[in-house]
Each structure stands twice: as C-alpha cells, then as structure tokens.
C-alpha cells in the first residue's frame, strides 16, 4: 500500500509564499518522477511542476520563475516552494508519484491566495 500525504497549504495574501510537502510511504522500491498538479473550481487538473529521479525539472509557463520543485530521496518527499503567489494560483494542489510504473495521488491540499 502506497500513501502520499501532502501538507503546507493554506491562505496567503498575494505576493506571499508557501511551501508544500508530500511524503510518500509504503511498499516502495524506487520512485521515478514526482510532481505537483493543481485543480481550480470547474477546471481540469493541470501540471504545475515535475522532477525526475535524476533531478531534471519542468514547470508550467504560469509558474516559471516563481515556483521551485525539489525532492529528498532519502525521505521520499517532494516539495513545492511557491513565491510571489497570485490569486490565480488558488486551487487544490495534488502530489503525484510514478512508482514502479504506477501513478499515485495524494488527497490534495487547498491553497488560497487573497488579493
């Protein structure tokens, strides 16, 4: 059983910062890519950032220069540092991990940015 547990969401004013964490636990041999997605009301879930096992990263255009994804392989944890937050960043943020060919999702954490 693999579990992804997110933390770090909350309410912040525009221009502020938050750091999301996602800890992966369970029967894990190796984790390939780890990523963050977000889903705003009445919108589809979209990729925010992804980091490979080798440390390569990719970001959505809307967050480039503001968000940073990182991972601690010893802790099976992925982070998302979000700076200069905007109201349009408001969404539920989901952690995703590719483990031994299967995709796993966290339960989501709400990020709300007030103007």
Protein backbone atom coordinates (compact mmCIF):
# COMPACT_ATOMS: atom_id res chain seq x y z
CA UNK A 1 0.00 0.00 0.00
CA UNK A 2 1.46 3.33 -1.10
CA UNK A 3 0.34 6.57 0.51
CA UNK A 4 1.06 10.17 -0.41
CA UNK A 5 0.40 12.73 2.31
CA UNK A 6 0.51 16.42 1.46
CA UNK A 7 0.89 19.33 3.83
CA UNK A 8 1.60 23.03 3.76
CA UNK A 9 -1.44 24.52 2.07
CA UNK A 10 -3.35 27.45 3.47
CA UNK A 11 -4.46 31.04 3.00
CA UNK A 12 -1.92 33.66 1.98
CA UNK A 13 -2.03 37.18 0.61
CA UNK A 14 -0.98 37.90 -2.94
CA UNK A 15 2.80 38.23 -3.13
CA UNK A 16 3.30 35.81 -0.26
CA UNK A 17 4.91 32.38 -0.16
CA UNK A 18 4.03 28.83 0.81
CA UNK A 19 5.88 25.54 0.78
CA UNK A 20 4.04 22.32 0.08
CA UNK A 21 5.39 18.94 1.11
CA UNK A 22 4.39 15.45 0.03
CA UNK A 23 5.70 12.39 1.86
CA UNK A 24 5.45 9.01 0.17
CA UNK A 25 5.24 5.90 2.32
CA UNK A 26 4.54 2.20 1.88
CA UNK A 27 5.94 -0.60 -0.20
CA UNK A 28 8.36 1.39 -2.34
CA UNK A 29 11.39 0.14 -4.22
CA UNK A 30 12.04 3.28 -6.21
CA UNK A 31 10.23 6.47 -7.14
CA UNK A 32 10.64 7.80 -10.65
CA UNK A 33 9.06 11.16 -11.40
CA UNK A 34 7.35 13.20 -8.69
CA UNK A 35 5.15 16.15 -9.43
CA UNK A 36 2.56 18.66 -8.38
CA UNK A 37 -0.73 19.37 -10.13
CA UNK A 38 -3.44 21.86 -9.32
CA UNK A 39 -7.15 22.00 -9.95
CA UNK A 40 -9.21 25.16 -9.66
CA UNK A 41 -13.02 25.05 -9.42
CA UNK A 42 -14.70 23.96 -12.67
CA UNK A 43 -11.30 23.48 -14.32
CA UNK A 44 -9.29 20.41 -15.22
CA UNK A 45 -6.33 19.23 -13.19
CA UNK A 46 -3.13 20.72 -14.65
CA UNK A 47 0.54 20.02 -14.23
CA UNK A 48 2.38 22.62 -12.16
CA UNK A 49 5.86 21.11 -11.89
CA UNK A 50 7.61 17.76 -12.18
CA UNK A 51 11.00 16.45 -11.12
CA UNK A 52 12.58 13.24 -12.40
CA UNK A 53 14.60 10.75 -10.41
CA UNK A 54 17.72 12.36 -11.83
CA UNK A 55 16.66 15.82 -10.71
CA UNK A 56 15.53 17.31 -14.03
CA UNK A 57 12.62 19.69 -13.65
CA UNK A 58 9.84 21.07 -15.79
CA UNK A 59 7.32 23.79 -14.97
CA UNK A 60 4.08 25.16 -16.31
CA UNK A 61 4.67 28.51 -18.01
CA UNK A 62 2.41 30.23 -15.49
CA UNK A 63 4.71 29.38 -12.56
CA UNK A 64 8.17 29.59 -14.10
CA UNK A 65 10.41 31.85 -12.06
CA UNK A 66 8.05 31.78 -9.07
CA UNK A 67 7.78 28.10 -8.06
CA UNK A 68 10.56 25.62 -7.33
CA UNK A 69 10.15 21.87 -7.09
CA UNK A 70 12.67 19.74 -5.20
CA UNK A 71 12.88 16.27 -3.71
CA UNK A 72 14.63 14.49 -0.87
CA UNK A 73 15.11 10.92 -1.99
CA UNK A 74 16.23 9.78 1.46
CA UNK A 75 12.88 10.91 2.86
CA UNK A 76 10.76 10.00 -0.20
CA UNK A 77 9.46 13.56 -0.10
CA UNK A 78 8.81 16.15 -2.77
CA UNK A 79 8.45 19.86 -2.10
CA UNK A 80 6.98 22.82 -3.94
CA UNK A 81 8.19 26.24 -2.94
CA UNK A 82 5.73 28.86 -4.17
CA UNK A 83 6.81 32.50 -4.18
CA UNK A 84 5.10 35.67 -5.38
CA UNK A 85 1.75 33.93 -5.22
CA UNK A 86 -1.14 35.31 -7.26
CA UNK A 87 -4.91 34.96 -6.79
CA UNK A 88 -4.99 32.82 -9.93
CA UNK A 89 -2.78 30.27 -8.15
CA UNK A 90 -5.77 29.46 -5.92
CA UNK A 91 -6.56 25.76 -6.33
CA UNK A 92 -6.32 22.35 -4.73
CA UNK A 93 -2.76 21.11 -5.15
CA UNK A 94 -2.18 17.39 -5.64
CA UNK A 95 1.03 15.45 -5.31
CA UNK A 96 1.74 12.72 -7.85
CA UNK A 97 4.39 9.99 -7.87
CA UNK A 98 5.31 7.43 -10.50
CA UNK A 99 6.33 4.32 -8.60
CA UNK A 100 7.28 1.12 -10.39
CA UNK A 101 5.16 2.06 -13.39
CA UNK A 102 2.05 3.07 -11.46
CA UNK A 103 0.71 6.58 -10.76
CA UNK A 104 -0.24 7.52 -7.21
CA UNK A 105 -2.01 10.66 -5.98
CA UNK A 106 -2.27 12.46 -2.70
CA UNK A 107 -5.54 13.67 -1.26
CA UNK A 108 -4.89 17.30 -2.15
CA UNK A 109 -4.22 20.44 -0.15
CA UNK A 110 -6.03 23.74 -0.61
CA UNK A 111 -4.06 26.86 -1.49
CA UNK A 112 -5.99 30.12 -1.40
CA UNK A 113 -4.39 33.41 -2.41
CA UNK A 114 -6.29 36.56 -1.50
CA UNK A 115 -5.94 39.78 -3.44
